[in-house]
Amino acid sequence: MLLKHFRKKKHLTQSEVAEKLQISVRQYQRIESGRSFPRESSLIILEDLFEAPHRVLFAESVEDIPDFLKCFLP
């Protein structure tokens, strides 16, 4: 999942992102690993934080992103 890549590109820890989402680090780890999906309110915060739509953040790889969304890749 590209979410981890975006987080590292911004030099943020899982703990820092979890704090911004007001969730536990463990819950964020589940989201980042793909075992859980964030609530809508958290999804909006993630999109704003990483300046990318959720279709990009939660894509498995760059190849899974449609061409018209590739402009959001870092």
PDB file of N, CA and C in Angstrom:
ATOM      1  N   MET A   1       0.838  -1.175   0.000  1.00  0.00           N
ATOM      2  CA  MET A   1       0.000   0.000   0.000  1.00  0.00           C
ATOM      3  C   MET A   1       0.891   1.250   0.000  1.00  0.00           C
ATOM      4  N   LEU A   2       0.488   2.246  -0.764  1.00  0.00           N
ATOM      5  CA  LEU A   2       1.312   3.445  -0.911  1.00  0.00           C
ATOM      6  C   LEU A   2       1.211   4.399   0.278  1.00  0.00           C
ATOM      7  N   LEU A   3       0.272   4.181   1.169  1.00  0.00           N
ATOM      8  CA  LEU A   3       0.110   5.052   2.332  1.00  0.00           C
ATOM      9  C   LEU A   3       1.412   5.170   3.123  1.00  0.00           C
ATOM     10  N   LYS A   4       2.087   4.068   3.323  1.00  0.00           N
ATOM     11  CA  LYS A   4       3.355   4.067   4.061  1.00  0.00           C
ATOM     12  C   LYS A   4       4.399   4.926   3.326  1.00  0.00           C
ATOM     13  N   HIS A   5       4.431   4.810   2.016  1.00  0.00           N
ATOM     14  CA  HIS A   5       5.372   5.597   1.211  1.00  0.00           C
ATOM     15  C   HIS A   5       5.120   7.093   1.391  1.00  0.00           C
ATOM     16  N   PHE A   6       3.852   7.492   1.355  1.00  0.00           N
ATOM     17  CA  PHE A   6       3.510   8.904   1.540  1.00  0.00           C
ATOM     18  C   PHE A   6       3.909   9.378   2.942  1.00  0.00           C
ATOM     19  N   ARG A   7       3.671   8.540   3.946  1.00  0.00           N
ATOM     20  CA  ARG A   7       4.015   8.917   5.328  1.00  0.00           C
ATOM     21  C   ARG A   7       5.521   9.131   5.464  1.00  0.00           C
ATOM     22  N   LYS A   8       6.289   8.213   4.915  1.00  0.00           N
ATOM     23  CA  LYS A   8       7.747   8.330   5.012  1.00  0.00           C
ATOM     24  C   LYS A   8       8.267   9.531   4.221  1.00  0.00           C
ATOM     25  N   LYS A   9       7.634   9.812   3.100  1.00  0.00           N
ATOM     26  CA  LYS A   9       8.040  10.963   2.284  1.00  0.00           C
ATOM     27  C   LYS A   9       7.864  12.272   3.058  1.00  0.00           C
ATOM     28  N   LYS A  10       6.859  12.315   3.934  1.00  0.00           N
ATOM     29  CA  LYS A  10       6.614  13.506   4.767  1.00  0.00           C
ATOM     30  C   LYS A  10       7.404  13.452   6.075  1.00  0.00           C
ATOM     31  N   HIS A  11       8.205  12.421   6.255  1.00  0.00           N
ATOM     32  CA  HIS A  11       9.028  12.254   7.464  1.00  0.00           C
ATOM     33  C   HIS A  11       8.171  12.217   8.731  1.00  0.00           C
ATOM     34  N   LEU A  12       7.063  11.484   8.650  1.00  0.00           N
ATOM     35  CA  LEU A  12       6.173  11.336   9.799  1.00  0.00           C
ATOM     36  C   LEU A  12       6.256   9.906  10.335  1.00  0.00           C
ATOM     37  N   THR A  13       6.104   9.764  11.623  1.00  0.00           N
ATOM     38  CA  THR A  13       6.045   8.439  12.227  1.00  0.00           C
ATOM     39  C   THR A  13       4.592   7.968  12.237  1.00  0.00           C
ATOM     40  N   GLN A  14       4.405   6.688  12.460  1.00  0.00           N
ATOM     41  CA  GLN A  14       3.050   6.165  12.588  1.00  0.00           C
ATOM     42  C   GLN A  14       2.347   6.835  13.761  1.00  0.00           C
ATOM     43  N   SER A  15       3.083   7.069  14.805  1.00  0.00           N
ATOM     44  CA  SER A  15       2.526   7.714  15.994  1.00  0.00           C
ATOM     45  C   SER A  15       2.038   9.126  15.678  1.00  0.00           C
ATOM     46  N   GLU A  16       2.795   9.869  14.911  1.00  0.00           N
ATOM     47  CA  GLU A  16       2.407  11.236  14.560  1.00  0.00           C
ATOM     48  C   GLU A  16       1.137  11.251  13.708  1.00  0.00           C
ATOM     49  N   VAL A  17       1.049  10.327  12.766  1.00  0.00           N
ATOM     50  CA  VAL A  17      -0.151  10.270  11.929  1.00  0.00           C
ATOM     51  C   VAL A  17      -1.349   9.838  12.768  1.00  0.00           C
ATOM     52  N   ALA A  18      -1.160   8.851  13.626  1.00  0.00           N
ATOM     53  CA  ALA A  18      -2.241   8.388  14.501  1.00  0.00           C
ATOM     54  C   ALA A  18      -2.751   9.536  15.372  1.00  0.00           C
ATOM     55  N   GLU A  19      -1.837  10.347  15.860  1.00  0.00           N
ATOM     56  CA  GLU A  19      -2.222  11.484  16.686  1.00  0.00           C
ATOM     57  C   GLU A  19      -3.085  12.474  15.897  1.00  0.00           C
ATOM     58  N   LYS A  20      -2.700  12.736  14.653  1.00  0.00           N
ATOM     59  CA  LYS A  20      -3.472  13.651  13.807  1.00  0.00           C
ATOM     60  C   LYS A  20      -4.876  13.087  13.529  1.00  0.00           C
ATOM     61  N   LEU A  21      -4.974  11.763  13.450  1.00  0.00           N
ATOM     62  CA  LEU A  21      -6.258  11.118  13.192  1.00  0.00           C
ATOM     63  C   LEU A  21      -7.056  10.893  14.470  1.00  0.00           C
ATOM     64  N   GLN A  22      -6.406  11.122  15.596  1.00  0.00           N
ATOM     65  CA  GLN A  22      -7.004  10.894  16.916  1.00  0.00           C
ATOM     66  C   GLN A  22      -7.438   9.441  17.081  1.00  0.00           C
ATOM     67  N   ILE A  23      -6.521   8.541  16.678  1.00  0.00           N
ATOM     68  CA  ILE A  23      -6.736   7.113  16.858  1.00  0.00           C
ATOM     69  C   ILE A  23      -5.480   6.526  17.489  1.00  0.00           C
ATOM     70  N   SER A  24      -5.544   5.280  17.907  1.00  0.00           N
ATOM     71  CA  SER A  24      -4.367   4.639  18.496  1.00  0.00           C
ATOM     72  C   SER A  24      -3.343   4.304  17.404  1.00  0.00           C
ATOM     73  N   VAL A  25      -2.108   4.170  17.824  1.00  0.00           N
ATOM     74  CA  VAL A  25      -1.043   3.792  16.892  1.00  0.00           C
ATOM     75  C   VAL A  25      -1.370   2.429  16.298  1.00  0.00           C
ATOM     76  N   ARG A  26      -1.865   1.517  17.128  1.00  0.00           N
ATOM     77  CA  ARG A  26      -2.212   0.169  16.664  1.00  0.00           C
ATOM     78  C   ARG A  26      -3.280   0.226  15.572  1.00  0.00           C
ATOM     79  N   GLN A  27      -4.270   1.067  15.750  1.00  0.00           N
ATOM     80  CA  GLN A  27      -5.311   1.198  14.726  1.00  0.00           C
ATOM     81  C   GLN A  27      -4.725   1.763  13.443  1.00  0.00           C
ATOM     82  N   TYR A  28      -3.814   2.737  13.557  1.00  0.00           N
ATOM     83  CA  TYR A  28      -3.183   3.273  12.346  1.00  0.00           C
ATOM     84  C   TYR A  28      -2.343   2.197  11.665  1.00  0.00           C
ATOM     85  N   GLN A  29      -1.648   1.394  12.443  1.00  0.00           N
ATOM     86  CA  GLN A  29      -0.840   0.305  11.869  1.00  0.00           C
ATOM     87  C   GLN A  29      -1.727  -0.651  11.069  1.00  0.00           C
ATOM     88  N   ARG A  30      -2.911  -0.923  11.567  1.00  0.00           N
ATOM     89  CA  ARG A  30      -3.857  -1.788  10.841  1.00  0.00           C
ATOM     90  C   ARG A  30      -4.288  -1.143   9.525  1.00  0.00           C
ATOM     91  N   ILE A  31      -4.502   0.164   9.561  1.00  0.00           N
ATOM     92  CA  ILE A  31      -4.887   0.879   8.343  1.00  0.00           C
ATOM     93  C   ILE A  31      -3.745   0.837   7.337  1.00  0.00           C
ATOM     94  N   GLU A  32      -2.538   1.155   7.784  1.00  0.00           N
ATOM     95  CA  GLU A  32      -1.388   1.214   6.890  1.00  0.00           C
ATOM     96  C   GLU A  32      -1.059  -0.156   6.297  1.00  0.00           C
ATOM     97  N   SER A  33      -1.330  -1.220   7.051  1.00  0.00           N
ATOM     98  CA  SER A  33      -1.032  -2.565   6.550  1.00  0.00           C
ATOM     99  C   SER A  33      -2.165  -3.137   5.696  1.00  0.00           C
ATOM    100  N   GLY A  34      -3.297  -2.425   5.634  1.00  0.00           N
ATOM    101  CA  GLY A  34      -4.403  -2.889   4.824  1.00  0.00           C
ATOM    102  C   GLY A  34      -5.359  -3.834   5.538  1.00  0.00           C
ATOM    103  N   ARG A  35      -5.166  -4.027   6.830  1.00  0.00           N
ATOM    104  CA  ARG A  35      -6.064  -4.915   7.585  1.00  0.00           C
ATOM    105  C   ARG A  35      -7.317  -4.196   8.066  1.00  0.00           C
ATOM    106  N   SER A  36      -7.333  -2.871   7.932  1.00  0.00           N
ATOM    107  CA  SER A  36      -8.481  -2.073   8.356  1.00  0.00           C
ATOM    108  C   SER A  36      -8.598  -0.890   7.408  1.00  0.00           C
ATOM    109  N   PHE A  37      -9.770  -0.287   7.372  1.00  0.00           N
ATOM    110  CA  PHE A  37      -9.968   0.886   6.533  1.00  0.00           C
ATOM    111  C   PHE A  37     -10.432   2.021   7.436  1.00  0.00           C
ATOM    112  N   PRO A  38      -9.921   3.230   7.225  1.00  0.00           N
ATOM    113  CA  PRO A  38     -10.283   4.338   8.117  1.00  0.00           C
ATOM    114  C   PRO A  38     -11.726   4.794   7.956  1.00  0.00           C
ATOM    115  N   ARG A  39     -12.223   5.408   9.020  1.00  0.00           N
ATOM    116  CA  ARG A  39     -13.535   6.040   8.954  1.00  0.00           C
ATOM    117  C   ARG A  39     -13.447   7.205   7.975  1.00  0.00           C
ATOM    118  N   GLU A  40     -14.595   7.683   7.555  1.00  0.00           N
ATOM    119  CA  GLU A  40     -14.630   8.778   6.585  1.00  0.00           C
ATOM    120  C   GLU A  40     -13.896  10.017   7.108  1.00  0.00           C
ATOM    121  N   SER A  41     -14.077  10.329   8.388  1.00  0.00           N
ATOM    122  CA  SER A  41     -13.414  11.511   8.949  1.00  0.00           C
ATOM    123  C   SER A  41     -11.894  11.361   8.911  1.00  0.00           C
ATOM    124  N   SER A  42     -11.394  10.180   9.183  1.00  0.00           N
ATOM    125  CA  SER A  42      -9.948   9.929   9.118  1.00  0.00           C
ATOM    126  C   SER A  42      -9.457   9.944   7.682  1.00  0.00           C
ATOM    127  N   LEU A  43     -10.270   9.435   6.781  1.00  0.00           N
ATOM    128  CA  LEU A  43      -9.917   9.410   5.376  1.00  0.00           C
ATOM    129  C   LEU A  43      -9.709  10.826   4.845  1.00  0.00           C
ATOM    130  N   ILE A  44     -10.582  11.721   5.236  1.00  0.00           N
ATOM    131  CA  ILE A  44     -10.461  13.122   4.807  1.00  0.00           C
ATOM    132  C   ILE A  44      -9.176  13.742   5.347  1.00  0.00           C
ATOM    133  N   ILE A  45      -8.860  13.457   6.594  1.00  0.00           N
ATOM    134  CA  ILE A  45      -7.626  13.982   7.190  1.00  0.00           C
ATOM    135  C   ILE A  45      -6.408  13.427   6.451  1.00  0.00           C
ATOM    136  N   LEU A  46      -6.423  12.136   6.140  1.00  0.00           N
ATOM    137  CA  LEU A  46      -5.300  11.534   5.408  1.00  0.00           C
ATOM    138  C   LEU A  46      -5.141  12.168   4.025  1.00  0.00           C
ATOM    139  N   GLU A  47      -6.250  12.378   3.334  1.00  0.00           N
ATOM    140  CA  GLU A  47      -6.173  13.007   2.010  1.00  0.00           C
ATOM    141  C   GLU A  47      -5.596  14.413   2.107  1.00  0.00           C
ATOM    142  N   ASP A  48      -5.999  15.159   3.111  1.00  0.00           N
ATOM    143  CA  ASP A  48      -5.471  16.514   3.302  1.00  0.00           C
ATOM    144  C   ASP A  48      -4.002  16.488   3.714  1.00  0.00           C
ATOM    145  N   LEU A  49      -3.671  15.592   4.619  1.00  0.00           N
ATOM    146  CA  LEU A  49      -2.304  15.502   5.130  1.00  0.00           C
ATOM    147  C   LEU A  49      -1.309  15.152   4.025  1.00  0.00           C
ATOM    148  N   PHE A  50      -1.680  14.184   3.189  1.00  0.00           N
ATOM    149  CA  PHE A  50      -0.756  13.718   2.150  1.00  0.00           C
ATOM    150  C   PHE A  50      -1.043  14.314   0.776  1.00  0.00           C
ATOM    151  N   GLU A  51      -2.050  15.181   0.699  1.00  0.00           N
ATOM    152  CA  GLU A  51      -2.383  15.893  -0.537  1.00  0.00           C
ATOM    153  C   GLU A  51      -2.578  14.942  -1.715  1.00  0.00           C
ATOM    154  N   ALA A  52      -3.350  13.882  -1.449  1.00  0.00           N
ATOM    155  CA  ALA A  52      -3.635  12.888  -2.479  1.00  0.00           C
ATOM    156  C   ALA A  52      -4.976  12.226  -2.171  1.00  0.00           C
ATOM    157  N   PRO A  53      -5.701  11.821  -3.215  1.00  0.00           N
ATOM    158  CA  PRO A  53      -6.981  11.137  -2.987  1.00  0.00           C
ATOM    159  C   PRO A  53      -6.765   9.726  -2.448  1.00  0.00           C
ATOM    160  N   HIS A  54      -7.781   9.215  -1.795  1.00  0.00           N
ATOM    161  CA  HIS A  54      -7.639   7.888  -1.178  1.00  0.00           C
ATOM    162  C   HIS A  54      -7.356   6.791  -2.203  1.00  0.00           C
ATOM    163  N   ARG A  55      -7.795   6.957  -3.441  1.00  0.00           N
ATOM    164  CA  ARG A  55      -7.499   5.944  -4.472  1.00  0.00           C
ATOM    165  C   ARG A  55      -5.997   5.829  -4.708  1.00  0.00           C
ATOM    166  N   VAL A  56      -5.277   6.896  -4.469  1.00  0.00           N
ATOM    167  CA  VAL A  56      -3.815   6.863  -4.605  1.00  0.00           C
ATOM    168  C   VAL A  56      -3.195   6.338  -3.311  1.00  0.00           C
ATOM    169  N   LEU A  57      -3.631   6.858  -2.179  1.00  0.00           N
ATOM    170  CA  LEU A  57      -3.057   6.462  -0.889  1.00  0.00           C
ATOM    171  C   LEU A  57      -3.196   4.967  -0.617  1.00  0.00           C
ATOM    172  N   PHE A  58      -4.318   4.385  -1.022  1.00  0.00           N
ATOM    173  CA  PHE A  58      -4.591   2.991  -0.706  1.00  0.00           C
ATOM    174  C   PHE A  58      -4.357   2.033  -1.870  1.00  0.00           C
ATOM    175  N   ALA A  59      -3.726   2.517  -2.925  1.00  0.00           N
ATOM    176  CA  ALA A  59      -3.376   1.640  -4.040  1.00  0.00           C
ATOM    177  C   ALA A  59      -2.268   0.679  -3.595  1.00  0.00           C
ATOM    178  N   GLU A  60      -2.312  -0.516  -4.120  1.00  0.00           N
ATOM    179  CA  GLU A  60      -1.294  -1.517  -3.778  1.00  0.00           C
ATOM    180  C   GLU A  60       0.056  -1.165  -4.403  1.00  0.00           C
ATOM    181  N   SER A  61       0.027  -0.593  -5.592  1.00  0.00           N
ATOM    182  CA  SER A  61       1.262  -0.222  -6.271  1.00  0.00           C
ATOM    183  C   SER A  61       0.964   0.917  -7.248  1.00  0.00           C
ATOM    184  N   VAL A  62       2.004   1.506  -7.778  1.00  0.00           N
ATOM    185  CA  VAL A  62       1.866   2.608  -8.738  1.00  0.00           C
ATOM    186  C   VAL A  62       1.105   2.132  -9.977  1.00  0.00           C
ATOM    187  N   GLU A  63       1.296   0.884 -10.357  1.00  0.00           N
ATOM    188  CA  GLU A  63       0.625   0.348 -11.537  1.00  0.00           C
ATOM    189  C   GLU A  63      -0.896   0.300 -11.366  1.00  0.00           C
ATOM    190  N   ASP A  64      -1.374   0.272 -10.130  1.00  0.00           N
ATOM    191  CA  ASP A  64      -2.809   0.213  -9.857  1.00  0.00           C
ATOM    192  C   ASP A  64      -3.492   1.580  -9.925  1.00  0.00           C
ATOM    193  N   ILE A  65      -2.718   2.623 -10.078  1.00  0.00           N
ATOM    194  CA  ILE A  65      -3.267   3.983 -10.099  1.00  0.00           C
ATOM    195  C   ILE A  65      -3.584   4.375 -11.542  1.00  0.00           C
ATOM    196  N   PRO A  66      -4.803   4.831 -11.784  1.00  0.00           N
ATOM    197  CA  PRO A  66      -5.138   5.285 -13.146  1.00  0.00           C
ATOM    198  C   PRO A  66      -4.248   6.466 -13.548  1.00  0.00           C
ATOM    199  N   ASP A  67      -3.998   6.561 -14.830  1.00  0.00           N
ATOM    200  CA  ASP A  67      -3.104   7.620 -15.331  1.00  0.00           C
ATOM    201  C   ASP A  67      -3.521   9.012 -14.890  1.00  0.00           C
ATOM    202  N   PHE A  68      -4.834   9.281 -14.861  1.00  0.00           N
ATOM    203  CA  PHE A  68      -5.282  10.627 -14.521  1.00  0.00           C
ATOM    204  C   PHE A  68      -5.030  10.985 -13.059  1.00  0.00           C
ATOM    205  N   LEU A  69      -4.686  10.006 -12.212  1.00  0.00           N
ATOM    206  CA  LEU A  69      -4.383  10.263 -10.804  1.00  0.00           C
ATOM    207  C   LEU A  69      -2.889  10.231 -10.499  1.00  0.00           C
ATOM    208  N   LYS A  70      -2.079   9.869 -11.453  1.00  0.00           N
ATOM    209  CA  LYS A  70      -0.631   9.751 -11.214  1.00  0.00           C
ATOM    210  C   LYS A  70       0.023  11.089 -10.907  1.00  0.00           C
ATOM    211  N   CYS A  71      -0.633  12.180 -11.193  1.00  0.00           N
ATOM    212  CA  CYS A  71      -0.089  13.500 -10.875  1.00  0.00           C
ATOM    213  C   CYS A  71       0.018  13.710  -9.360  1.00  0.00           C
ATOM    214  N   PHE A  72      -0.667  12.882  -8.564  1.00  0.00           N
ATOM    215  CA  PHE A  72      -0.615  12.994  -7.106  1.00  0.00           C
ATOM    216  C   PHE A  72       0.537  12.223  -6.484  1.00  0.00           C
ATOM    217  N   LEU A  73       1.267  11.468  -7.283  1.00  0.00           N
ATOM    218  CA  LEU A  73       2.396  10.715  -6.754  1.00  0.00           C
ATOM    219  C   LEU A  73       3.540  11.655  -6.398  1.00  0.00           C
ATOM    220  N   PRO A  74       4.210  11.375  -5.286  1.00  0.00           N
ATOM    221  CA  PRO A  74       5.329  12.251  -4.894  1.00  0.00           C
ATOM    222  C   PRO A  74       6.540  12.055  -5.783  1.00  0.00           C
TER     223      PRO A  74
END
